[in-house]
């Protein structure tokens, strides 16, 4: 299992390599504290959360294909 700091580093790497068309400097990096806060919130429904994330991404123009 990754520590909060390690997971923040992974998320920042992913955002930097596979992020939207925005430059990495325009987006605040994930912090260990942010990861820790979100890790403690269990998801009631993974599918519902995934749908919401894709919906939010679609609003920014960076959503995956509908069949993703």
PDB file of N, CA and C in Angstrom:
ATOM      1  N   UNK A   1       0.836  -1.173   0.000  1.00  0.00           N
ATOM      2  CA  UNK A   1       0.000   0.000   0.000  1.00  0.00           C
ATOM      3  C   UNK A   1       0.885   1.242   0.000  1.00  0.00           C
ATOM      4  N   UNK A   2       0.493   2.204  -0.810  1.00  0.00           N
ATOM      5  CA  UNK A   2       1.253   3.448  -0.890  1.00  0.00           C
ATOM      6  C   UNK A   2       0.885   4.373   0.266  1.00  0.00           C
ATOM      7  N   UNK A   3       1.872   5.128   0.722  1.00  0.00           N
ATOM      8  CA  UNK A   3       1.584   6.146   1.733  1.00  0.00           C
ATOM      9  C   UNK A   3       0.836   7.292   1.057  1.00  0.00           C
ATOM     10  N   UNK A   4       0.293   8.202   1.855  1.00  0.00           N
ATOM     11  CA  UNK A   4      -0.416   9.351   1.297  1.00  0.00           C
ATOM     12  C   UNK A   4       0.523  10.182   0.416  1.00  0.00           C
ATOM     13  N   UNK A   5       1.751  10.368   0.865  1.00  0.00           N
ATOM     14  CA  UNK A   5       2.727  11.143   0.092  1.00  0.00           C
ATOM     15  C   UNK A   5       3.085  10.439  -1.216  1.00  0.00           C
ATOM     16  N   UNK A   6       3.246   9.125  -1.160  1.00  0.00           N
ATOM     17  CA  UNK A   6       3.563   8.372  -2.376  1.00  0.00           C
ATOM     18  C   UNK A   6       2.408   8.422  -3.373  1.00  0.00           C
ATOM     19  N   UNK A   7       1.186   8.283  -2.875  1.00  0.00           N
ATOM     20  CA  UNK A   7       0.031   8.340  -3.758  1.00  0.00           C
ATOM     21  C   UNK A   7      -0.102   9.733  -4.372  1.00  0.00           C
ATOM     22  N   UNK A   8       0.152  10.769  -3.609  1.00  0.00           N
ATOM     23  CA  UNK A   8       0.127  12.133  -4.149  1.00  0.00           C
ATOM     24  C   UNK A   8       1.143  12.263  -5.279  1.00  0.00           C
ATOM     25  N   UNK A   9       2.336  11.705  -5.100  1.00  0.00           N
ATOM     26  CA  UNK A   9       3.356  11.746  -6.149  1.00  0.00           C
ATOM     27  C   UNK A   9       2.889  11.025  -7.408  1.00  0.00           C
ATOM     28  N   UNK A  10       2.268   9.870  -7.249  1.00  0.00           N
ATOM     29  CA  UNK A  10       1.754   9.113  -8.398  1.00  0.00           C
ATOM     30  C   UNK A  10       0.670   9.916  -9.116  1.00  0.00           C
ATOM     31  N   UNK A  11      -0.271  10.475  -8.354  1.00  0.00           N
ATOM     32  CA  UNK A  11      -1.335  11.275  -8.961  1.00  0.00           C
ATOM     33  C   UNK A  11      -0.772  12.480  -9.708  1.00  0.00           C
ATOM     34  N   UNK A  12       0.224  13.112  -9.143  1.00  0.00           N
ATOM     35  CA  UNK A  12       0.849  14.263  -9.812  1.00  0.00           C
ATOM     36  C   UNK A  12       1.578  13.838 -11.081  1.00  0.00           C
ATOM     37  N   UNK A  13       2.206  12.682 -11.045  1.00  0.00           N
ATOM     38  CA  UNK A  13       2.875  12.170 -12.248  1.00  0.00           C
ATOM     39  C   UNK A  13       1.850  11.882 -13.338  1.00  0.00           C
ATOM     40  N   UNK A  14       0.751  11.221 -12.974  1.00  0.00           N
ATOM     41  CA  UNK A  14      -0.301  10.910 -13.946  1.00  0.00           C
ATOM     42  C   UNK A  14      -0.869  12.198 -14.534  1.00  0.00           C
ATOM     43  N   UNK A  15      -1.165  13.154 -13.679  1.00  0.00           N
ATOM     44  CA  UNK A  15      -1.724  14.428 -14.156  1.00  0.00           C
ATOM     45  C   UNK A  15      -0.753  15.126 -15.096  1.00  0.00           C
ATOM     46  N   UNK A  16       0.532  15.032 -14.812  1.00  0.00           N
ATOM     47  CA  UNK A  16       1.539  15.671 -15.657  1.00  0.00           C
ATOM     48  C   UNK A  16       1.727  14.986 -16.994  1.00  0.00           C
ATOM     49  N   UNK A  17       1.534  13.680 -17.032  1.00  0.00           N
ATOM     50  CA  UNK A  17       1.763  12.924 -18.262  1.00  0.00           C
ATOM     51  C   UNK A  17       0.507  12.676 -19.074  1.00  0.00           C
ATOM     52  N   UNK A  18      -0.631  12.605 -18.421  1.00  0.00           N
ATOM     53  CA  UNK A  18      -1.862  12.265 -19.118  1.00  0.00           C
ATOM     54  C   UNK A  18      -2.961  13.293 -18.884  1.00  0.00           C
ATOM     55  N   UNK A  19      -2.607  14.472 -18.388  1.00  0.00           N
ATOM     56  CA  UNK A  19      -3.593  15.498 -18.070  1.00  0.00           C
ATOM     57  C   UNK A  19      -4.184  16.147 -19.299  1.00  0.00           C
ATOM     58  N   UNK A  20      -5.090  17.059 -19.045  1.00  0.00           N
ATOM     59  CA  UNK A  20      -5.749  17.809 -20.118  1.00  0.00           C
ATOM     60  C   UNK A  20      -4.729  18.715 -20.804  1.00  0.00           C
ATOM     61  N   UNK A  21      -5.219  19.557 -21.658  1.00  0.00           N
ATOM     62  CA  UNK A  21      -4.351  20.456 -22.416  1.00  0.00           C
ATOM     63  C   UNK A  21      -3.783  21.592 -21.580  1.00  0.00           C
ATOM     64  N   UNK A  22      -4.168  21.668 -20.316  1.00  0.00           N
ATOM     65  CA  UNK A  22      -3.668  22.725 -19.452  1.00  0.00           C
ATOM     66  C   UNK A  22      -2.226  22.431 -19.045  1.00  0.00           C
ATOM     67  N   UNK A  23      -1.389  23.450 -18.997  1.00  0.00           N
ATOM     68  CA  UNK A  23      -0.028  23.212 -18.505  1.00  0.00           C
ATOM     69  C   UNK A  23      -0.050  22.790 -17.039  1.00  0.00           C
ATOM     70  N   UNK A  24       0.865  21.931 -16.669  1.00  0.00           N
ATOM     71  CA  UNK A  24       0.907  21.405 -15.298  1.00  0.00           C
ATOM     72  C   UNK A  24       1.009  22.518 -14.268  1.00  0.00           C
ATOM     73  N   UNK A  25       1.670  23.624 -14.611  1.00  0.00           N
ATOM     74  CA  UNK A  25       1.827  24.721 -13.660  1.00  0.00           C
ATOM     75  C   UNK A  25       0.496  25.391 -13.333  1.00  0.00           C
ATOM     76  N   UNK A  26      -0.510  25.241 -14.202  1.00  0.00           N
ATOM     77  CA  UNK A  26      -1.810  25.875 -13.994  1.00  0.00           C
ATOM     78  C   UNK A  26      -2.675  25.106 -12.997  1.00  0.00           C
ATOM     79  N   UNK A  27      -2.269  23.905 -12.658  1.00  0.00           N
ATOM     80  CA  UNK A  27      -3.052  23.051 -11.768  1.00  0.00           C
ATOM     81  C   UNK A  27      -2.282  22.835 -10.479  1.00  0.00           C
ATOM     82  N   UNK A  28      -2.961  22.964  -9.349  1.00  0.00           N
ATOM     83  CA  UNK A  28      -2.297  22.733  -8.071  1.00  0.00           C
ATOM     84  C   UNK A  28      -1.994  21.252  -7.918  1.00  0.00           C
ATOM     85  N   UNK A  29      -0.793  20.910  -7.488  1.00  0.00           N
ATOM     86  CA  UNK A  29      -0.465  19.495  -7.302  1.00  0.00           C
ATOM     87  C   UNK A  29      -1.216  18.914  -6.103  1.00  0.00           C
ATOM     88  N   UNK A  30      -1.427  17.612  -6.162  1.00  0.00           N
ATOM     89  CA  UNK A  30      -2.035  16.914  -5.029  1.00  0.00           C
ATOM     90  C   UNK A  30      -1.039  16.918  -3.867  1.00  0.00           C
ATOM     91  N   UNK A  31      -1.561  17.015  -2.660  1.00  0.00           N
ATOM     92  CA  UNK A  31      -0.710  16.969  -1.473  1.00  0.00           C
ATOM     93  C   UNK A  31      -1.026  15.701  -0.677  1.00  0.00           C
ATOM     94  N   UNK A  32      -0.102  15.327   0.194  1.00  0.00           N
ATOM     95  CA  UNK A  32      -0.329  14.162   1.057  1.00  0.00           C
ATOM     96  C   UNK A  32      -1.547  14.400   1.954  1.00  0.00           C
ATOM     97  N   UNK A  33      -1.744  15.632   2.408  1.00  0.00           N
ATOM     98  CA  UNK A  33      -2.880  15.949   3.266  1.00  0.00           C
ATOM     99  C   UNK A  33      -4.202  15.788   2.507  1.00  0.00           C
ATOM    100  N   UNK A  34      -4.224  16.218   1.236  1.00  0.00           N
ATOM    101  CA  UNK A  34      -5.430  16.082   0.425  1.00  0.00           C
ATOM    102  C   UNK A  34      -5.758  14.605   0.194  1.00  0.00           C
ATOM    103  N   UNK A  35      -4.740  13.823  -0.118  1.00  0.00           N
ATOM    104  CA  UNK A  35      -4.940  12.387  -0.325  1.00  0.00           C
ATOM    105  C   UNK A  35      -5.463  11.749   0.957  1.00  0.00           C
ATOM    106  N   UNK A  36      -4.881  12.098   2.089  1.00  0.00           N
ATOM    107  CA  UNK A  36      -5.302  11.523   3.372  1.00  0.00           C
ATOM    108  C   UNK A  36      -6.767  11.833   3.657  1.00  0.00           C
ATOM    109  N   UNK A  37      -7.185  13.048   3.383  1.00  0.00           N
ATOM    110  CA  UNK A  37      -8.571  13.443   3.655  1.00  0.00           C
ATOM    111  C   UNK A  37      -9.547  12.657   2.783  1.00  0.00           C
ATOM    112  N   UNK A  38      -9.207  12.457   1.518  1.00  0.00           N
ATOM    113  CA  UNK A  38     -10.110  11.754   0.613  1.00  0.00           C
ATOM    114  C   UNK A  38     -10.069  10.242   0.807  1.00  0.00           C
ATOM    115  N   UNK A  39      -8.965   9.720   1.267  1.00  0.00           N
ATOM    116  CA  UNK A  39      -8.880   8.278   1.510  1.00  0.00           C
ATOM    117  C   UNK A  39      -9.793   7.841   2.643  1.00  0.00           C
ATOM    118  N   UNK A  40     -10.058   8.725   3.549  1.00  0.00           N
ATOM    119  CA  UNK A  40     -10.872   8.368   4.713  1.00  0.00           C
ATOM    120  C   UNK A  40     -12.363   8.434   4.418  1.00  0.00           C
ATOM    121  N   UNK A  41     -12.749   8.880   3.225  1.00  0.00           N
ATOM    122  CA  UNK A  41     -14.160   8.960   2.855  1.00  0.00           C
ATOM    123  C   UNK A  41     -14.500   7.763   1.967  1.00  0.00           C
ATOM    124  N   UNK A  42     -15.166   6.757   2.533  1.00  0.00           N
ATOM    125  CA  UNK A  42     -15.499   5.592   1.709  1.00  0.00           C
ATOM    126  C   UNK A  42     -16.535   5.951   0.645  1.00  0.00           C
ATOM    127  N   UNK A  43     -16.433   5.306  -0.507  1.00  0.00           N
ATOM    128  CA  UNK A  43     -17.400   5.521  -1.578  1.00  0.00           C
ATOM    129  C   UNK A  43     -18.609   4.632  -1.340  1.00  0.00           C
ATOM    130  N   UNK A  44     -19.784   5.237  -1.367  1.00  0.00           N
ATOM    131  CA  UNK A  44     -21.006   4.457  -1.216  1.00  0.00           C
ATOM    132  C   UNK A  44     -21.243   3.628  -2.469  1.00  0.00           C
ATOM    133  N   UNK A  45     -20.910   4.196  -3.620  1.00  0.00           N
ATOM    134  CA  UNK A  45     -21.106   3.500  -4.890  1.00  0.00           C
ATOM    135  C   UNK A  45     -19.992   3.899  -5.852  1.00  0.00           C
ATOM    136  N   UNK A  46     -19.148   2.954  -6.190  1.00  0.00           N
ATOM    137  CA  UNK A  46     -18.051   3.230  -7.118  1.00  0.00           C
ATOM    138  C   UNK A  46     -18.604   3.653  -8.476  1.00  0.00           C
ATOM    139  N   UNK A  47     -19.646   2.978  -8.943  1.00  0.00           N
ATOM    140  CA  UNK A  47     -20.221   3.309 -10.251  1.00  0.00           C
ATOM    141  C   UNK A  47     -20.800   4.717 -10.269  1.00  0.00           C
ATOM    142  N   UNK A  48     -21.508   5.103  -9.231  1.00  0.00           N
ATOM    143  CA  UNK A  48     -22.082   6.445  -9.164  1.00  0.00           C
ATOM    144  C   UNK A  48     -20.980   7.493  -9.113  1.00  0.00           C
ATOM    145  N   UNK A  49     -19.927   7.227  -8.351  1.00  0.00           N
ATOM    146  CA  UNK A  49     -18.802   8.156  -8.269  1.00  0.00           C
ATOM    147  C   UNK A  49     -18.117   8.271  -9.616  1.00  0.00           C
ATOM    148  N   UNK A  50     -17.921   7.151 -10.285  1.00  0.00           N
ATOM    149  CA  UNK A  50     -17.292   7.156 -11.600  1.00  0.00           C
ATOM    150  C   UNK A  50     -18.120   7.967 -12.599  1.00  0.00           C
ATOM    151  N   UNK A  51     -19.443   7.774 -12.587  1.00  0.00           N
ATOM    152  CA  UNK A  51     -20.318   8.543 -13.479  1.00  0.00           C
ATOM    153  C   UNK A  51     -20.186  10.032 -13.215  1.00  0.00           C
ATOM    154  N   UNK A  52     -20.127  10.417 -11.942  1.00  0.00           N
ATOM    155  CA  UNK A  52     -20.003  11.832 -11.581  1.00  0.00           C
ATOM    156  C   UNK A  52     -18.668  12.405 -12.050  1.00  0.00           C
ATOM    157  N   UNK A  53     -17.600  11.645 -11.894  1.00  0.00           N
ATOM    158  CA  UNK A  53     -16.280  12.103 -12.347  1.00  0.00           C
ATOM    159  C   UNK A  53     -16.277  12.298 -13.862  1.00  0.00           C
ATOM    160  N   UNK A  54     -16.833  11.347 -14.595  1.00  0.00           N
ATOM    161  CA  UNK A  54     -16.878  11.452 -16.055  1.00  0.00           C
ATOM    162  C   UNK A  54     -17.739  12.644 -16.467  1.00  0.00           C
ATOM    163  N   UNK A  55     -18.836  12.863 -15.747  1.00  0.00           N
ATOM    164  CA  UNK A  55     -19.709  14.015 -16.032  1.00  0.00           C
ATOM    165  C   UNK A  55     -18.940  15.324 -15.832  1.00  0.00           C
ATOM    166  N   UNK A  56     -18.193  15.415 -14.746  1.00  0.00           N
ATOM    167  CA  UNK A  56     -17.397  16.619 -14.479  1.00  0.00           C
ATOM    168  C   UNK A  56     -16.302  16.794 -15.528  1.00  0.00           C
ATOM    169  N   UNK A  57     -15.681  15.697 -15.953  1.00  0.00           N
ATOM    170  CA  UNK A  57     -14.662  15.780 -16.994  1.00  0.00           C
ATOM    171  C   UNK A  57     -15.277  16.235 -18.314  1.00  0.00           C
ATOM    172  N   UNK A  58     -16.485  15.751 -18.619  1.00  0.00           N
ATOM    173  CA  UNK A  58     -17.158  16.145 -19.855  1.00  0.00           C
ATOM    174  C   UNK A  58     -17.405  17.650 -19.879  1.00  0.00           C
ATOM    175  N   UNK A  59     -17.688  18.225 -18.727  1.00  0.00           N
ATOM    176  CA  UNK A  59     -17.933  19.663 -18.644  1.00  0.00           C
ATOM    177  C   UNK A  59     -16.679  20.465 -18.977  1.00  0.00           C
ATOM    178  N   UNK A  60     -15.512  19.855 -18.797  1.00  0.00           N
ATOM    179  CA  UNK A  60     -14.259  20.543 -19.114  1.00  0.00           C
ATOM    180  C   UNK A  60     -13.740  20.163 -20.495  1.00  0.00           C
ATOM    181  N   UNK A  61     -14.425  19.229 -21.150  1.00  0.00           N
ATOM    182  CA  UNK A  61     -14.022  18.812 -22.484  1.00  0.00           C
ATOM    183  C   UNK A  61     -12.957  17.740 -22.489  1.00  0.00           C
ATOM    184  N   UNK A  62     -12.699  17.106 -21.355  1.00  0.00           N
ATOM    185  CA  UNK A  62     -11.633  16.102 -21.303  1.00  0.00           C
ATOM    186  C   UNK A  62     -12.126  14.738 -20.843  1.00  0.00           C
ATOM    187  N   UNK A  63     -13.387  14.433 -21.104  1.00  0.00           N
ATOM    188  CA  UNK A  63     -13.945  13.153 -20.672  1.00  0.00           C
ATOM    189  C   UNK A  63     -13.536  12.022 -21.598  1.00  0.00           C
ATOM    190  N   UNK A  64     -13.433  10.811 -21.063  1.00  0.00           N
ATOM    191  CA  UNK A  64     -13.161   9.654 -21.922  1.00  0.00           C
ATOM    192  C   UNK A  64     -14.404   9.346 -22.763  1.00  0.00           C
ATOM    193  N   UNK A  65     -14.248   8.451 -23.695  1.00  0.00           N
ATOM    194  CA  UNK A  65     -15.365   8.036 -24.550  1.00  0.00           C
ATOM    195  C   UNK A  65     -16.496   7.485 -23.681  1.00  0.00           C
ATOM    196  N   UNK A  66     -17.730   7.582 -24.170  1.00  0.00           N
ATOM    197  CA  UNK A  66     -18.879   7.137 -23.381  1.00  0.00           C
ATOM    198  C   UNK A  66     -18.819   5.655 -23.029  1.00  0.00           C
ATOM    199  N   UNK A  67     -18.184   4.852 -23.859  1.00  0.00           N
ATOM    200  CA  UNK A  67     -18.115   3.405 -23.590  1.00  0.00           C
ATOM    201  C   UNK A  67     -16.933   3.044 -22.699  1.00  0.00           C
ATOM    202  N   UNK A  68     -16.252   4.031 -22.127  1.00  0.00           N
ATOM    203  CA  UNK A  68     -15.092   3.800 -21.267  1.00  0.00           C
ATOM    204  C   UNK A  68     -15.502   3.057 -20.026  1.00  0.00           C
TER     205      UNK A  68
END
